[in-house]
Amino acid sequence: LRFAVREGGKTVGSGVVTEILA
């Protein structure tokens, strides 16, 4: 599964939008 990384309030990437806070 592809995942998108939420950075600076912007969602970047393609596939399923997943909010990852590391």
PDB file of N, CA and C in Angstrom:
ATOM      1  N   LEU A   1       0.835  -1.197   0.000  1.00  0.00           N
ATOM      2  CA  LEU A   1       0.000   0.000   0.000  1.00  0.00           C
ATOM      3  C   LEU A   1       0.870   1.247   0.000  1.00  0.00           C
ATOM      4  N   ARG A   2       0.460   2.205  -0.790  1.00  0.00           N
ATOM      5  CA  ARG A   2       1.209   3.461  -0.821  1.00  0.00           C
ATOM      6  C   ARG A   2       0.646   4.391   0.241  1.00  0.00           C
ATOM      7  N   PHE A   3       1.519   5.213   0.788  1.00  0.00           N
ATOM      8  CA  PHE A   3       1.056   6.116   1.832  1.00  0.00           C
ATOM      9  C   PHE A   3       1.502   7.541   1.564  1.00  0.00           C
ATOM     10  N   ALA A   4       0.724   8.470   2.065  1.00  0.00           N
ATOM     11  CA  ALA A   4       1.062   9.882   1.898  1.00  0.00           C
ATOM     12  C   ALA A   4       1.466  10.438   3.255  1.00  0.00           C
ATOM     13  N   VAL A   5       2.449  11.311   3.254  1.00  0.00           N
ATOM     14  CA  VAL A   5       2.929  11.877   4.513  1.00  0.00           C
ATOM     15  C   VAL A   5       2.465  13.321   4.649  1.00  0.00           C
ATOM     16  N   ARG A   6       1.826  13.600   5.747  1.00  0.00           N
ATOM     17  CA  ARG A   6       1.343  14.955   5.989  1.00  0.00           C
ATOM     18  C   ARG A   6       2.501  15.796   6.521  1.00  0.00           C
ATOM     19  N   GLU A   7       2.891  16.798   5.732  1.00  0.00           N
ATOM     20  CA  GLU A   7       4.019  17.633   6.132  1.00  0.00           C
ATOM     21  C   GLU A   7       3.642  19.106   6.061  1.00  0.00           C
ATOM     22  N   GLY A   8       3.797  19.809   7.170  1.00  0.00           N
ATOM     23  CA  GLY A   8       3.497  21.231   7.209  1.00  0.00           C
ATOM     24  C   GLY A   8       2.037  21.514   6.904  1.00  0.00           C
ATOM     25  N   GLY A   9       1.175  20.571   7.226  1.00  0.00           N
ATOM     26  CA  GLY A   9      -0.248  20.756   6.983  1.00  0.00           C
ATOM     27  C   GLY A   9      -0.608  20.431   5.549  1.00  0.00           C
ATOM     28  N   LYS A  10       0.413  20.021   4.762  1.00  0.00           N
ATOM     29  CA  LYS A  10       0.138  19.659   3.372  1.00  0.00           C
ATOM     30  C   LYS A  10       0.311  18.160   3.192  1.00  0.00           C
ATOM     31  N   THR A  11      -0.562  17.554   2.436  1.00  0.00           N
ATOM     32  CA  THR A  11      -0.475  16.118   2.210  1.00  0.00           C
ATOM     33  C   THR A  11       0.302  15.854   0.926  1.00  0.00           C
ATOM     34  N   VAL A  12       1.452  15.191   1.080  1.00  0.00           N
ATOM     35  CA  VAL A  12       2.284  14.915  -0.084  1.00  0.00           C
ATOM     36  C   VAL A  12       2.415  13.415  -0.271  1.00  0.00           C
ATOM     37  N   GLY A  13       2.500  12.981  -1.519  1.00  0.00           N
ATOM     38  CA  GLY A  13       2.595  11.558  -1.796  1.00  0.00           C
ATOM     39  C   GLY A  13       1.408  11.122  -2.628  1.00  0.00           C
ATOM     40  N   SER A  14       1.327   9.818  -2.851  1.00  0.00           N
ATOM     41  CA  SER A  14       0.205   9.322  -3.637  1.00  0.00           C
ATOM     42  C   SER A  14      -0.296   8.023  -3.037  1.00  0.00           C
ATOM     43  N   GLY A  15      -1.569   7.781  -3.182  1.00  0.00           N
ATOM     44  CA  GLY A  15      -2.147   6.569  -2.631  1.00  0.00           C
ATOM     45  C   GLY A  15      -3.071   6.909  -1.487  1.00  0.00           C
ATOM     46  N   VAL A  16      -3.032   6.104  -0.439  1.00  0.00           N
ATOM     47  CA  VAL A  16      -3.903   6.329   0.710  1.00  0.00           C
ATOM     48  C   VAL A  16      -3.325   7.432   1.588  1.00  0.00           C
ATOM     49  N   VAL A  17      -4.166   8.375   1.934  1.00  0.00           N
ATOM     50  CA  VAL A  17      -3.707   9.489   2.766  1.00  0.00           C
ATOM     51  C   VAL A  17      -3.620   9.044   4.224  1.00  0.00           C
ATOM     52  N   THR A  18      -2.390   9.008   4.725  1.00  0.00           N
ATOM     53  CA  THR A  18      -2.183   8.588   6.113  1.00  0.00           C
ATOM     54  C   THR A  18      -1.418   9.659   6.870  1.00  0.00           C
ATOM     55  N   GLU A  19      -1.955  10.083   7.985  1.00  0.00           N
ATOM     56  CA  GLU A  19      -1.281  11.115   8.763  1.00  0.00           C
ATOM     57  C   GLU A  19      -0.236  10.478   9.659  1.00  0.00           C
ATOM     58  N   ILE A  20       1.024  10.776   9.344  1.00  0.00           N
ATOM     59  CA  ILE A  20       2.111  10.208  10.138  1.00  0.00           C
ATOM     60  C   ILE A  20       2.847  11.313  10.884  1.00  0.00           C
ATOM     61  N   LEU A  21       2.803  11.253  12.192  1.00  0.00           N
ATOM     62  CA  LEU A  21       3.509  12.250  12.993  1.00  0.00           C
ATOM     63  C   LEU A  21       4.674  11.567  13.690  1.00  0.00           C
ATOM     64  N   ALA A  22       5.878  11.875  13.237  1.00  0.00           N
ATOM     65  CA  ALA A  22       7.056  11.250  13.828  1.00  0.00           C
ATOM     66  C   ALA A  22       7.895  12.305  14.537  1.00  0.00           C
TER      67      ALA A  22
END
